[in-house]
Amino acid sequence: MRTAALFTPAESGLVRVSDHWYRAKSCDVNVVPLFQRHYSCPKPKDTHYTSGIAGPGEDMTLITATGDALFVWRSEEFRKDDQWGVECSVFRNEGSVQSSLMIREAVEAAVVKWKPQRFFTFVNAEKVQSANPGYCFKMAGWSFCGFTKAGLHILEYRN
């Protein structure tokens, strides 16, 4: 577990958006390694992601100063599925701060950027080590709202 800060805000140019999160670029050198340890990271994991990890659309990438947690929001105007709103495309917490608190803070940052609306995420129950997939999101006030065609759990937060 990391405890020392990876960067200092004044030197890095990253903007603090909550008690734990700083806004970063999705191609930041501290963001990519966390993403590469997330189960959704495409293979091969040696890709450099010079254009970022967020994918198409408008994004907001959040990282902790200690580099032990990552949250990526993505808003796409055109989707190939029937989802709408702002998607949490990646959440990874390797630190000691409770995940549900980190998620609530990430939602607050997203509301500032995109205004109150529907936020959603997908959870692959086969790739998480939990009998209750998405438990940390549920503890942060999110609700299960169905399955994708591929069988992923869909969770949403409406404010």
C-alpha atoms as a PDB file:
ATOM      1  CA  MET A   1       0.000   0.000   0.000  1.00  0.00           C
ATOM      2  CA  ARG A   2       1.303   3.438  -0.917  1.00  0.00           C
ATOM      3  CA  THR A   3       1.352   6.114   1.752  1.00  0.00           C
ATOM      4  CA  ALA A   4       3.613   8.863   0.425  1.00  0.00           C
ATOM      5  CA  ALA A   5       2.318  11.314  -2.139  1.00  0.00           C
ATOM      6  CA  LEU A   6       3.387  10.649  -5.716  1.00  0.00           C
ATOM      7  CA  PHE A   7       3.176  14.311  -6.568  1.00  0.00           C
ATOM      8  CA  THR A   8       2.678  17.674  -4.989  1.00  0.00           C
ATOM      9  CA  PRO A   9      -0.251  19.633  -6.396  1.00  0.00           C
ATOM     10  CA  ALA A  10       1.796  22.806  -6.883  1.00  0.00           C
ATOM     11  CA  GLU A  11       4.413  20.987  -8.982  1.00  0.00           C
ATOM     12  CA  SER A  12       2.058  18.743 -10.910  1.00  0.00           C
ATOM     13  CA  GLY A  13      -0.592  21.241 -11.920  1.00  0.00           C
ATOM     14  CA  LEU A  14      -3.302  18.806 -10.802  1.00  0.00           C
ATOM     15  CA  VAL A  15      -6.404  20.378  -9.305  1.00  0.00           C
ATOM     16  CA  ARG A  16      -7.889  19.072  -6.079  1.00  0.00           C
ATOM     17  CA  VAL A  17     -11.617  18.369  -6.488  1.00  0.00           C
ATOM     18  CA  SER A  18     -12.402  16.732  -3.110  1.00  0.00           C
ATOM     19  CA  ASP A  19     -10.765  15.536   0.086  1.00  0.00           C
ATOM     20  CA  HIS A  20      -9.190  12.601  -1.757  1.00  0.00           C
ATOM     21  CA  TRP A  21      -9.382  13.217  -5.519  1.00  0.00           C
ATOM     22  CA  TYR A  22      -7.262  15.280  -7.886  1.00  0.00           C
ATOM     23  CA  ARG A  23      -8.182  15.833 -11.507  1.00  0.00           C
ATOM     24  CA  ALA A  24      -5.598  14.361 -13.899  1.00  0.00           C
ATOM     25  CA  LYS A  25      -5.212  13.750 -17.620  1.00  0.00           C
ATOM     26  CA  SER A  26      -6.236  10.262 -18.674  1.00  0.00           C
ATOM     27  CA  CYS A  27      -2.737   9.698 -20.076  1.00  0.00           C
ATOM     28  CA  ASP A  28      -0.957  10.804 -16.865  1.00  0.00           C
ATOM     29  CA  VAL A  29       2.012   8.591 -15.967  1.00  0.00           C
ATOM     30  CA  ASN A  30       0.424   7.863 -12.562  1.00  0.00           C
ATOM     31  CA  VAL A  31      -2.985   6.972 -14.024  1.00  0.00           C
ATOM     32  CA  VAL A  32      -1.949   4.361 -16.581  1.00  0.00           C
ATOM     33  CA  PRO A  33      -0.368   1.815 -14.160  1.00  0.00           C
ATOM     34  CA  LEU A  34      -3.513   1.799 -11.989  1.00  0.00           C
ATOM     35  CA  PHE A  35      -5.671   1.290 -15.059  1.00  0.00           C
ATOM     36  CA  GLN A  36      -3.453  -1.550 -16.227  1.00  0.00           C
ATOM     37  CA  ARG A  37      -4.211  -3.389 -12.963  1.00  0.00           C
ATOM     38  CA  HIS A  38      -7.990  -2.988 -13.464  1.00  0.00           C
ATOM     39  CA  TYR A  39      -9.819  -6.045 -14.793  1.00  0.00           C
ATOM     40  CA  SER A  40     -11.310  -4.068 -17.675  1.00  0.00           C
ATOM     41  CA  CYS A  41      -7.930  -3.062 -19.091  1.00  0.00           C
ATOM     42  CA  PRO A  42      -7.593  -4.496 -22.607  1.00  0.00           C
ATOM     43  CA  LYS A  43      -4.728  -6.818 -23.378  1.00  0.00           C
ATOM     44  CA  PRO A  44      -1.826  -6.389 -23.970  1.00  0.00           C
ATOM     45  CA  LYS A  45      -1.170  -4.486 -20.780  1.00  0.00           C
ATOM     46  CA  ASP A  46       2.105  -3.091 -22.107  1.00  0.00           C
ATOM     47  CA  THR A  47       0.248  -0.505 -24.215  1.00  0.00           C
ATOM     48  CA  HIS A  48       1.419   3.014 -23.391  1.00  0.00           C
ATOM     49  CA  TYR A  49      -1.960   4.812 -23.682  1.00  0.00           C
ATOM     50  CA  THR A  50      -0.372   8.026 -24.945  1.00  0.00           C
ATOM     51  CA  SER A  51      -3.797   9.302 -25.970  1.00  0.00           C
ATOM     52  CA  GLY A  52      -5.329   8.335 -22.621  1.00  0.00           C
ATOM     53  CA  ILE A  53      -7.374   5.570 -21.066  1.00  0.00           C
ATOM     54  CA  ALA A  54     -10.792   7.227 -21.051  1.00  0.00           C
ATOM     55  CA  GLY A  55     -11.969   6.414 -24.560  1.00  0.00           C
ATOM     56  CA  PRO A  56     -14.264   8.540 -26.730  1.00  0.00           C
ATOM     57  CA  GLY A  57     -16.302  11.403 -25.365  1.00  0.00           C
ATOM     58  CA  GLU A  58     -15.730  13.959 -22.656  1.00  0.00           C
ATOM     59  CA  ASP A  59     -13.964  12.577 -19.594  1.00  0.00           C
ATOM     60  CA  MET A  60     -12.896  13.390 -16.069  1.00  0.00           C
ATOM     61  CA  THR A  61     -10.028  11.345 -14.657  1.00  0.00           C
ATOM     62  CA  LEU A  62      -9.465  11.401 -10.904  1.00  0.00           C
ATOM     63  CA  ILE A  63      -6.473  10.087  -8.958  1.00  0.00           C
ATOM     64  CA  THR A  64      -5.373  10.295  -5.330  1.00  0.00           C
ATOM     65  CA  ALA A  65      -2.137  12.060  -4.369  1.00  0.00           C
ATOM     66  CA  THR A  66      -0.750   8.711  -3.231  1.00  0.00           C
ATOM     67  CA  GLY A  67      -1.612   7.080  -6.564  1.00  0.00           C
ATOM     68  CA  ASP A  68      -3.579   4.290  -4.923  1.00  0.00           C
ATOM     69  CA  ALA A  69      -7.029   5.032  -6.380  1.00  0.00           C
ATOM     70  CA  LEU A  70      -8.388   5.908  -9.816  1.00  0.00           C
ATOM     71  CA  PHE A  71     -11.842   6.947 -11.015  1.00  0.00           C
ATOM     72  CA  VAL A  72     -12.696   7.735 -14.635  1.00  0.00           C
ATOM     73  CA  TRP A  73     -15.937   9.377 -15.756  1.00  0.00           C
ATOM     74  CA  ARG A  74     -16.917   9.431 -19.412  1.00  0.00           C
ATOM     75  CA  SER A  75     -19.786  11.177 -21.160  1.00  0.00           C
ATOM     76  CA  GLU A  76     -20.526  10.078 -24.724  1.00  0.00           C
ATOM     77  CA  GLU A  77     -23.079  11.720 -26.956  1.00  0.00           C
ATOM     78  CA  PHE A  78     -23.453   8.623 -29.137  1.00  0.00           C
ATOM     79  CA  ARG A  79     -23.433   5.157 -27.558  1.00  0.00           C
ATOM     80  CA  LYS A  80     -23.857   1.740 -29.121  1.00  0.00           C
ATOM     81  CA  ASP A  81     -25.940   0.536 -26.177  1.00  0.00           C
ATOM     82  CA  ASP A  82     -29.134   1.961 -24.714  1.00  0.00           C
ATOM     83  CA  GLN A  83     -27.444   3.600 -21.724  1.00  0.00           C
ATOM     84  CA  TRP A  84     -27.592   7.315 -21.137  1.00  0.00           C
ATOM     85  CA  GLY A  85     -25.924   9.649 -18.661  1.00  0.00           C
ATOM     86  CA  VAL A  86     -22.341   9.772 -17.478  1.00  0.00           C
ATOM     87  CA  GLU A  87     -20.484   6.480 -17.159  1.00  0.00           C
ATOM     88  CA  CYS A  88     -17.971   5.452 -14.541  1.00  0.00           C
ATOM     89  CA  SER A  89     -15.709   3.525 -16.883  1.00  0.00           C
ATOM     90  CA  VAL A  90     -13.022   2.677 -14.298  1.00  0.00           C
ATOM     91  CA  PHE A  91     -12.848   2.621 -10.520  1.00  0.00           C
ATOM     92  CA  ARG A  92      -9.903   1.041  -8.743  1.00  0.00           C
ATOM     93  CA  ASN A  93      -9.036   1.521  -5.086  1.00  0.00           C
ATOM     94  CA  GLU A  94      -5.830  -0.022  -3.770  1.00  0.00           C
ATOM     95  CA  GLY A  95      -5.705   2.262  -0.728  1.00  0.00           C
ATOM     96  CA  SER A  96      -7.128   2.250   2.770  1.00  0.00           C
ATOM     97  CA  VAL A  97      -9.869   4.858   2.248  1.00  0.00           C
ATOM     98  CA  GLN A  98     -13.302   3.261   2.085  1.00  0.00           C
ATOM     99  CA  SER A  99     -14.384   2.767  -1.537  1.00  0.00           C
ATOM    100  CA  SER A 100     -17.933   4.003  -0.959  1.00  0.00           C
ATOM    101  CA  LEU A 101     -16.552   7.322   0.328  1.00  0.00           C
ATOM    102  CA  MET A 102     -14.292   7.622  -2.723  1.00  0.00           C
ATOM    103  CA  ILE A 103     -17.272   6.947  -5.006  1.00  0.00           C
ATOM    104  CA  ARG A 104     -19.447   9.554  -3.263  1.00  0.00           C
ATOM    105  CA  GLU A 105     -16.674  12.146  -3.676  1.00  0.00           C
ATOM    106  CA  ALA A 106     -16.290  11.224  -7.357  1.00  0.00           C
ATOM    107  CA  VAL A 107     -20.046  11.681  -7.871  1.00  0.00           C
ATOM    108  CA  GLU A 108     -19.874  15.125  -6.253  1.00  0.00           C
ATOM    109  CA  ALA A 109     -17.080  16.110  -8.650  1.00  0.00           C
ATOM    110  CA  ALA A 110     -19.097  14.792 -11.617  1.00  0.00           C
ATOM    111  CA  VAL A 111     -22.186  16.753 -10.568  1.00  0.00           C
ATOM    112  CA  VAL A 112     -20.102  19.952 -10.592  1.00  0.00           C
ATOM    113  CA  LYS A 113     -18.920  19.183 -14.135  1.00  0.00           C
ATOM    114  CA  TRP A 114     -22.081  17.700 -15.716  1.00  0.00           C
ATOM    115  CA  LYS A 115     -24.895  18.840 -13.381  1.00  0.00           C
ATOM    116  CA  PRO A 116     -27.198  16.356 -11.573  1.00  0.00           C
ATOM    117  CA  GLN A 117     -28.241  13.511 -13.836  1.00  0.00           C
ATOM    118  CA  ARG A 118     -27.959   9.741 -14.195  1.00  0.00           C
ATOM    119  CA  PHE A 119     -24.553   8.208 -13.500  1.00  0.00           C
ATOM    120  CA  PHE A 120     -23.976   4.548 -14.269  1.00  0.00           C
ATOM    121  CA  THR A 121     -21.379   1.801 -14.355  1.00  0.00           C
ATOM    122  CA  PHE A 122     -20.988  -1.806 -15.416  1.00  0.00           C
ATOM    123  CA  VAL A 123     -19.636  -4.549 -13.146  1.00  0.00           C
ATOM    124  CA  ASN A 124     -18.417  -7.924 -14.381  1.00  0.00           C
ATOM    125  CA  ALA A 125     -19.482 -10.286 -11.581  1.00  0.00           C
ATOM    126  CA  GLU A 126     -17.103 -12.968 -12.845  1.00  0.00           C
ATOM    127  CA  LYS A 127     -14.064 -10.694 -12.465  1.00  0.00           C
ATOM    128  CA  VAL A 128     -14.661  -9.125  -9.054  1.00  0.00           C
ATOM    129  CA  GLN A 129     -13.943 -10.904  -5.794  1.00  0.00           C
ATOM    130  CA  SER A 130     -17.328 -10.298  -4.196  1.00  0.00           C
ATOM    131  CA  ALA A 131     -20.477 -12.267  -3.615  1.00  0.00           C
ATOM    132  CA  ASN A 132     -22.286  -8.944  -4.063  1.00  0.00           C
ATOM    133  CA  PRO A 133     -20.951  -7.360  -7.294  1.00  0.00           C
ATOM    134  CA  GLY A 134     -20.802  -3.585  -7.054  1.00  0.00           C
ATOM    135  CA  TYR A 135     -21.177  -3.612  -3.269  1.00  0.00           C
ATOM    136  CA  CYS A 136     -19.035  -0.482  -2.776  1.00  0.00           C
ATOM    137  CA  PHE A 137     -21.209   1.396  -5.297  1.00  0.00           C
ATOM    138  CA  LYS A 138     -24.370   0.199  -3.542  1.00  0.00           C
ATOM    139  CA  MET A 139     -22.978   1.424  -0.210  1.00  0.00           C
ATOM    140  CA  ALA A 140     -22.456   4.805  -1.909  1.00  0.00           C
ATOM    141  CA  GLY A 141     -26.155   5.002  -2.825  1.00  0.00           C
ATOM    142  CA  TRP A 142     -26.127   3.361  -6.254  1.00  0.00           C
ATOM    143  CA  SER A 143     -28.787   0.842  -7.314  1.00  0.00           C
ATOM    144  CA  PHE A 144     -28.752  -2.274  -9.441  1.00  0.00           C
ATOM    145  CA  CYS A 145     -30.898  -1.620 -12.526  1.00  0.00           C
ATOM    146  CA  GLY A 146     -30.368  -4.617 -14.816  1.00  0.00           C
ATOM    147  CA  PHE A 147     -27.955  -6.522 -16.990  1.00  0.00           C
ATOM    148  CA  THR A 148     -26.277  -5.811 -20.309  1.00  0.00           C
ATOM    149  CA  LYS A 149     -26.658  -8.265 -23.184  1.00  0.00           C
ATOM    150  CA  ALA A 150     -23.228  -9.627 -22.191  1.00  0.00           C
ATOM    151  CA  GLY A 151     -24.407 -10.227 -18.608  1.00  0.00           C
ATOM    152  CA  LEU A 152     -22.659  -7.313 -16.885  1.00  0.00           C
ATOM    153  CA  HIS A 153     -24.437  -5.789 -13.901  1.00  0.00           C
ATOM    154  CA  ILE A 154     -25.648  -2.239 -14.506  1.00  0.00           C
ATOM    155  CA  LEU A 155     -25.630   0.077 -11.496  1.00  0.00           C
ATOM    156  CA  GLU A 156     -26.911   3.631 -11.503  1.00  0.00           C
ATOM    157  CA  TYR A 157     -26.982   6.702  -9.332  1.00  0.00           C
ATOM    158  CA  ARG A 158     -29.650   9.340  -9.853  1.00  0.00           C
ATOM    159  CA  ASN A 159     -29.591  12.640  -8.053  1.00  0.00           C
END
